[in-house]
Amino acid sequence: MLAGCLLSSLEIERFNVSLANAGYKPQTIVHALNQVGGAIKFAKKMGYKVQEVELPSIKLPRGRLRYLSVEEEQRLLQVLEPTASLKWTSEFTVPEVKREMQDLYDIVIMLIDTGARHTEISTLRWDSINLDDGSIRLWRSKVQNESVLYMSNRVKVVLTRRKQSSSGPFIFAGPDGGARKYNSTPFRRAFDRAGLVGCTAHTLRHTHATRLIQNGLNLYEVKEILGHSNIVTTMRYAHLEQAQVSRKAVDVINLFQHS
């Protein structure tokens, strides 16, 4: 038997309190505790004697959830359209700019239609893609697990097109051939040109989750799609699910009134 893991629930609670006292936001504390939970699970899997612990429950603040409407999405994709006029650029930079716009256009579609984090998409490799059955094996480094997602029609179009011109292992490669690095500037400029306020790349993930709930999926189903390790993180969408339940309740009442 390997040496034991002596981490206790009390020590984890002390860690939680220390983060709160240091001024970290609830979402950051949740992520830190999820990392601790993941480490404990891994230790148990590796054969260490692990003490049963309980992770603290963190209440996340309910701020306004920013997501894109269909019309806002169309405006965003319109300003990123690679075939759009580029009169404001030098003729020497047009090919480079168009390539960057194509990458950003494709990434935006991938983020909206999969709900994945930017890093998960930017590091995605071709050996994780099956164009025949439309599946994507997505490694989620933040929570150390893998999800299998299925392509929307337009994601399949994007990946099929990129596959035809790709020569490296990464779907979105940087200048050095490695995985594309995150840069917030292109996203910010695109949102500004589309007239969209209060948006970041993560807004696209919120957009995906919101549309799933608005069209009938419950929080536990959305948790699996987003790859959350804890349902607490998914609870930020709870008010959307409650609104859907309320609409269903009205439909039921109306049905009885007309029977």
Protein backbone atom coordinates (compact mmCIF):
# COMPACT_ATOMS: atom_id res chain seq x y z
CA MET A 1 0.00 0.00 0.00
CA LEU A 2 1.37 3.42 -0.94
CA ALA A 3 1.74 6.22 1.58
CA GLY A 4 -1.51 7.89 2.58
CA CYS A 5 -2.90 11.30 1.72
CA LEU A 6 -3.59 13.03 5.05
CA LEU A 7 -5.48 16.03 3.70
CA SER A 8 -8.61 16.54 5.80
CA SER A 9 -11.88 18.40 5.36
CA LEU A 10 -10.75 20.85 8.05
CA GLU A 11 -7.55 21.69 6.18
CA ILE A 12 -9.50 22.21 2.97
CA GLU A 13 -11.89 24.55 4.80
CA ARG A 14 -8.91 26.49 6.15
CA PHE A 15 -7.59 26.76 2.59
CA ASN A 16 -11.01 28.04 1.50
CA VAL A 17 -11.07 30.66 4.26
CA SER A 18 -7.50 31.77 3.49
CA LEU A 19 -8.40 32.38 -0.16
CA ALA A 20 -11.50 34.35 0.83
CA ASN A 21 -9.50 36.45 3.32
CA ALA A 22 -6.90 37.13 0.63
CA GLY A 23 -9.64 38.71 -1.50
CA TYR A 24 -10.05 36.06 -4.18
CA LYS A 25 -13.40 36.03 -5.99
CA PRO A 26 -15.82 33.12 -5.37
CA GLN A 27 -15.38 31.79 -8.93
CA THR A 28 -11.59 31.64 -8.43
CA ILE A 29 -12.02 29.85 -5.10
CA VAL A 30 -14.35 27.31 -6.72
CA HIS A 31 -11.74 26.59 -9.39
CA ALA A 32 -9.01 26.23 -6.73
CA LEU A 33 -11.14 23.80 -4.71
CA ASN A 34 -11.94 21.84 -7.86
CA GLN A 35 -8.21 21.45 -8.44
CA VAL A 36 -7.82 20.11 -4.90
CA GLY A 37 -10.69 17.68 -5.46
CA GLY A 38 -9.16 16.55 -8.74
CA ALA A 39 -5.79 15.94 -7.06
CA ILE A 40 -7.45 13.86 -4.35
CA LYS A 41 -9.29 11.75 -6.94
CA PHE A 42 -6.07 11.22 -8.86
CA ALA A 43 -4.22 10.17 -5.69
CA LYS A 44 -6.98 7.66 -4.95
CA LYS A 45 -6.82 6.34 -8.51
CA MET A 46 -3.04 5.87 -8.18
CA GLY A 47 -3.53 3.69 -5.13
CA TYR A 48 -2.84 6.09 -2.29
CA LYS A 49 -4.82 5.74 0.90
CA VAL A 50 -7.01 8.83 0.68
CA GLN A 51 -9.05 10.25 3.54
CA GLU A 52 -12.68 10.97 2.70
CA VAL A 53 -13.10 14.74 2.53
CA GLU A 54 -15.89 17.19 1.81
CA LEU A 55 -15.24 20.23 -0.34
CA PRO A 56 -16.82 23.47 0.92
CA SER A 57 -19.88 24.73 -0.93
CA ILE A 58 -19.25 28.16 -2.42
CA LYS A 59 -22.15 30.45 -3.29
CA LEU A 60 -21.46 32.28 -6.53
CA PRO A 61 -22.80 35.82 -6.99
CA ARG A 62 -25.58 36.20 -9.52
CA GLY A 63 -24.38 39.00 -11.75
CA ARG A 64 -25.89 39.70 -15.15
CA LEU A 65 -24.99 36.87 -17.47
CA ARG A 66 -23.75 38.24 -20.80
CA TYR A 67 -24.53 36.11 -23.82
CA LEU A 68 -25.20 36.82 -27.48
CA SER A 69 -28.60 36.94 -29.09
CA VAL A 70 -28.90 35.44 -32.56
CA GLU A 71 -28.83 38.94 -34.05
CA GLU A 72 -25.68 39.83 -32.08
CA GLU A 73 -24.00 36.65 -33.24
CA GLN A 74 -24.78 37.53 -36.85
CA ARG A 75 -23.25 40.99 -36.38
CA LEU A 76 -20.11 39.49 -34.88
CA LEU A 77 -19.66 36.95 -37.67
CA GLN A 78 -20.32 39.64 -40.25
CA VAL A 79 -17.39 41.80 -39.08
CA LEU A 80 -15.15 38.71 -39.02
CA GLU A 81 -16.16 37.47 -42.47
CA PRO A 82 -12.79 36.92 -44.26
CA THR A 83 -14.23 37.87 -47.65
CA ALA A 84 -15.33 41.28 -46.35
CA SER A 85 -13.75 44.43 -47.75
CA LEU A 86 -10.33 45.17 -46.26
CA LYS A 87 -9.78 48.64 -47.72
CA TRP A 88 -8.40 49.83 -44.38
CA THR A 89 -5.38 47.51 -44.66
CA SER A 90 -2.21 47.68 -46.70
CA GLU A 91 -2.15 45.47 -49.79
CA PHE A 92 0.94 43.81 -48.35
CA THR A 93 -0.87 42.76 -45.18
CA VAL A 94 -4.16 41.63 -46.74
CA PRO A 95 -3.27 37.89 -46.97
CA GLU A 96 -2.03 37.87 -43.38
CA VAL A 97 -5.06 39.80 -42.11
CA LYS A 98 -7.46 37.54 -44.00
CA ARG A 99 -5.79 34.48 -42.52
CA GLU A 100 -6.13 35.92 -39.02
CA MET A 101 -9.78 36.84 -39.66
CA GLN A 102 -10.49 33.34 -40.96
CA ASP A 103 -8.94 31.80 -37.84
CA LEU A 104 -10.93 34.10 -35.56
CA TYR A 105 -14.14 33.54 -37.54
CA ASP A 106 -13.70 29.75 -37.27
CA ILE A 107 -12.80 29.89 -33.58
CA VAL A 108 -15.88 31.98 -32.79
CA ILE A 109 -18.09 29.38 -34.49
CA MET A 110 -16.34 26.57 -32.62
CA LEU A 111 -16.76 28.34 -29.27
CA ILE A 112 -20.44 29.16 -29.78
CA ASP A 113 -21.40 25.73 -31.10
CA THR A 114 -19.37 23.57 -28.67
CA GLY A 115 -19.35 25.72 -25.52
CA ALA A 116 -15.68 24.84 -25.07
CA ARG A 117 -13.13 27.10 -23.42
CA HIS A 118 -10.81 28.99 -25.76
CA THR A 119 -7.76 26.99 -24.64
CA GLU A 120 -9.57 23.72 -25.34
CA ILE A 121 -10.24 24.78 -28.92
CA SER A 122 -6.89 26.48 -29.58
CA THR A 123 -4.99 23.35 -28.47
CA LEU A 124 -7.28 20.89 -30.28
CA ARG A 125 -5.41 18.41 -32.46
CA TRP A 126 -6.53 16.62 -35.60
CA ASP A 127 -6.10 13.23 -33.96
CA SER A 128 -9.01 14.18 -31.66
CA ILE A 129 -11.34 14.80 -34.60
CA ASN A 130 -13.47 12.20 -36.38
CA LEU A 131 -15.13 13.81 -39.38
CA ASP A 132 -16.88 10.54 -40.27
CA ASP A 133 -19.04 10.31 -37.15
CA GLY A 134 -18.80 14.03 -36.30
CA SER A 135 -17.19 13.54 -32.89
CA ILE A 136 -14.62 15.66 -31.05
CA ARG A 137 -12.57 14.25 -28.17
CA LEU A 138 -11.97 17.37 -26.11
CA TRP A 139 -9.30 17.34 -23.42
CA ARG A 140 -10.22 19.79 -20.65
CA SER A 141 -6.93 20.71 -19.00
CA LYS A 142 -8.62 22.96 -16.45
CA VAL A 143 -10.50 20.07 -14.85
CA GLN A 144 -8.29 17.22 -16.13
CA ASN A 145 -10.94 15.22 -17.95
CA GLU A 146 -12.03 14.42 -21.47
CA SER A 147 -15.41 15.03 -23.07
CA VAL A 148 -16.81 13.71 -26.31
CA LEU A 149 -18.77 16.37 -28.15
CA TYR A 150 -20.54 16.17 -31.49
CA MET A 151 -20.22 18.71 -34.28
CA SER A 152 -22.96 21.06 -35.36
CA ASN A 153 -23.39 21.35 -39.10
CA ARG A 154 -21.34 24.51 -39.34
CA VAL A 155 -18.56 23.17 -37.07
CA LYS A 156 -18.26 20.21 -39.44
CA VAL A 157 -18.03 22.61 -42.39
CA VAL A 158 -15.28 24.59 -40.61
CA LEU A 159 -13.26 21.50 -39.70
CA THR A 160 -13.64 19.89 -43.13
CA ARG A 161 -12.41 23.07 -44.81
CA ARG A 162 -9.47 23.49 -42.44
CA LYS A 163 -8.48 19.84 -42.80
CA GLN A 164 -8.04 20.29 -46.54
CA SER A 165 -5.36 22.95 -46.05
CA SER A 166 -3.78 21.73 -42.80
CA SER A 167 -0.31 20.21 -42.65
CA GLY A 168 0.34 20.21 -38.90
CA PRO A 169 -1.07 18.47 -35.82
CA PHE A 170 -3.08 21.46 -34.54
CA ILE A 171 -6.35 22.69 -36.02
CA PHE A 172 -5.44 26.26 -35.05
CA ALA A 173 -1.68 26.67 -35.27
CA GLY A 174 0.43 29.63 -34.27
CA PRO A 175 3.30 31.08 -36.34
CA ASP A 176 5.69 28.49 -34.89
CA GLY A 177 3.43 25.56 -35.83
CA GLY A 178 2.47 24.94 -32.20
CA ALA A 179 -0.91 25.50 -30.63
CA ARG A 180 -2.36 28.96 -31.14
CA LYS A 181 -1.84 31.23 -28.12
CA TYR A 182 -4.69 33.19 -26.57
CA ASN A 183 -4.80 36.90 -27.36
CA SER A 184 -7.73 38.95 -26.12
CA THR A 185 -7.06 41.89 -28.46
CA PRO A 186 -8.57 40.40 -31.68
CA PHE A 187 -11.72 39.42 -29.78
CA ARG A 188 -12.04 42.86 -28.20
CA ARG A 189 -11.62 44.59 -31.55
CA ALA A 190 -14.18 42.29 -33.19
CA PHE A 191 -16.73 42.93 -30.43
CA ASP A 192 -16.09 46.68 -30.72
CA ARG A 193 -16.57 46.67 -34.51
CA ALA A 194 -19.81 44.71 -34.06
CA GLY A 195 -21.02 47.19 -31.44
CA LEU A 196 -21.21 44.53 -28.71
CA VAL A 197 -20.61 45.80 -25.17
CA GLY A 198 -19.42 43.79 -22.19
CA CYS A 199 -18.25 40.77 -24.19
CA THR A 200 -15.17 38.56 -24.00
CA ALA A 201 -14.26 35.23 -25.56
CA HIS A 202 -15.96 33.57 -22.56
CA THR A 203 -19.24 35.23 -23.58
CA LEU A 204 -19.38 32.71 -26.43
CA ARG A 205 -19.30 29.84 -23.93
CA HIS A 206 -22.12 31.50 -21.99
CA THR A 207 -24.03 31.85 -25.26
CA HIS A 208 -23.81 28.11 -25.90
CA ALA A 209 -24.94 27.19 -22.38
CA THR A 210 -27.79 29.68 -22.46
CA ARG A 211 -29.15 28.33 -25.73
CA LEU A 212 -29.02 24.77 -24.44
CA ILE A 213 -31.08 25.64 -21.36
CA GLN A 214 -33.50 27.83 -23.32
CA ASN A 215 -34.16 24.86 -25.57
CA GLY A 216 -34.88 22.27 -22.91
CA LEU A 217 -31.62 20.88 -21.47
CA ASN A 218 -31.38 20.85 -17.68
CA LEU A 219 -28.47 22.03 -15.55
CA TYR A 220 -26.98 18.55 -15.12
CA GLU A 221 -26.99 17.98 -18.87
CA VAL A 222 -25.36 21.38 -19.44
CA LYS A 223 -22.77 20.56 -16.76
CA GLU A 224 -21.67 17.55 -18.81
CA ILE A 225 -21.53 19.52 -22.06
CA LEU A 226 -19.47 22.34 -20.52
CA GLY A 227 -17.19 19.93 -18.68
CA HIS A 228 -17.76 21.44 -15.24
CA SER A 229 -16.40 19.25 -12.46
CA ASN A 230 -18.90 20.69 -9.98
CA ILE A 231 -22.59 21.48 -10.46
CA VAL A 232 -22.02 24.62 -8.35
CA THR A 233 -20.28 26.23 -11.34
CA THR A 234 -23.22 25.40 -13.61
CA MET A 235 -25.66 26.96 -11.14
CA ARG A 236 -24.94 30.40 -12.61
CA TYR A 237 -27.43 29.38 -15.32
CA ALA A 238 -30.07 28.30 -12.79
CA HIS A 239 -32.25 31.38 -13.32
CA LEU A 240 -32.55 30.50 -17.01
CA GLU A 241 -33.71 26.99 -16.18
CA GLN A 242 -36.21 28.39 -13.69
CA ALA A 243 -37.60 30.67 -16.40
CA GLN A 244 -38.05 27.67 -18.69
CA VAL A 245 -39.85 25.75 -15.93
CA SER A 246 -42.12 28.73 -15.37
CA ARG A 247 -43.03 28.80 -19.08
CA LYS A 248 -43.82 25.08 -18.98
CA ALA A 249 -46.02 25.64 -15.92
CA VAL A 250 -48.02 28.29 -17.78
CA ASP A 251 -48.47 25.91 -20.72
CA VAL A 252 -49.82 23.25 -18.35
CA ILE A 253 -52.25 25.71 -16.73
CA ASN A 254 -53.44 26.95 -20.13
CA LEU A 255 -53.95 23.36 -21.27
CA PHE A 256 -56.31 22.68 -18.34
CA GLN A 257 -58.19 25.92 -18.94
CA HIS A 258 -58.93 24.93 -22.53
CA SER A 259 -59.78 21.28 -21.82
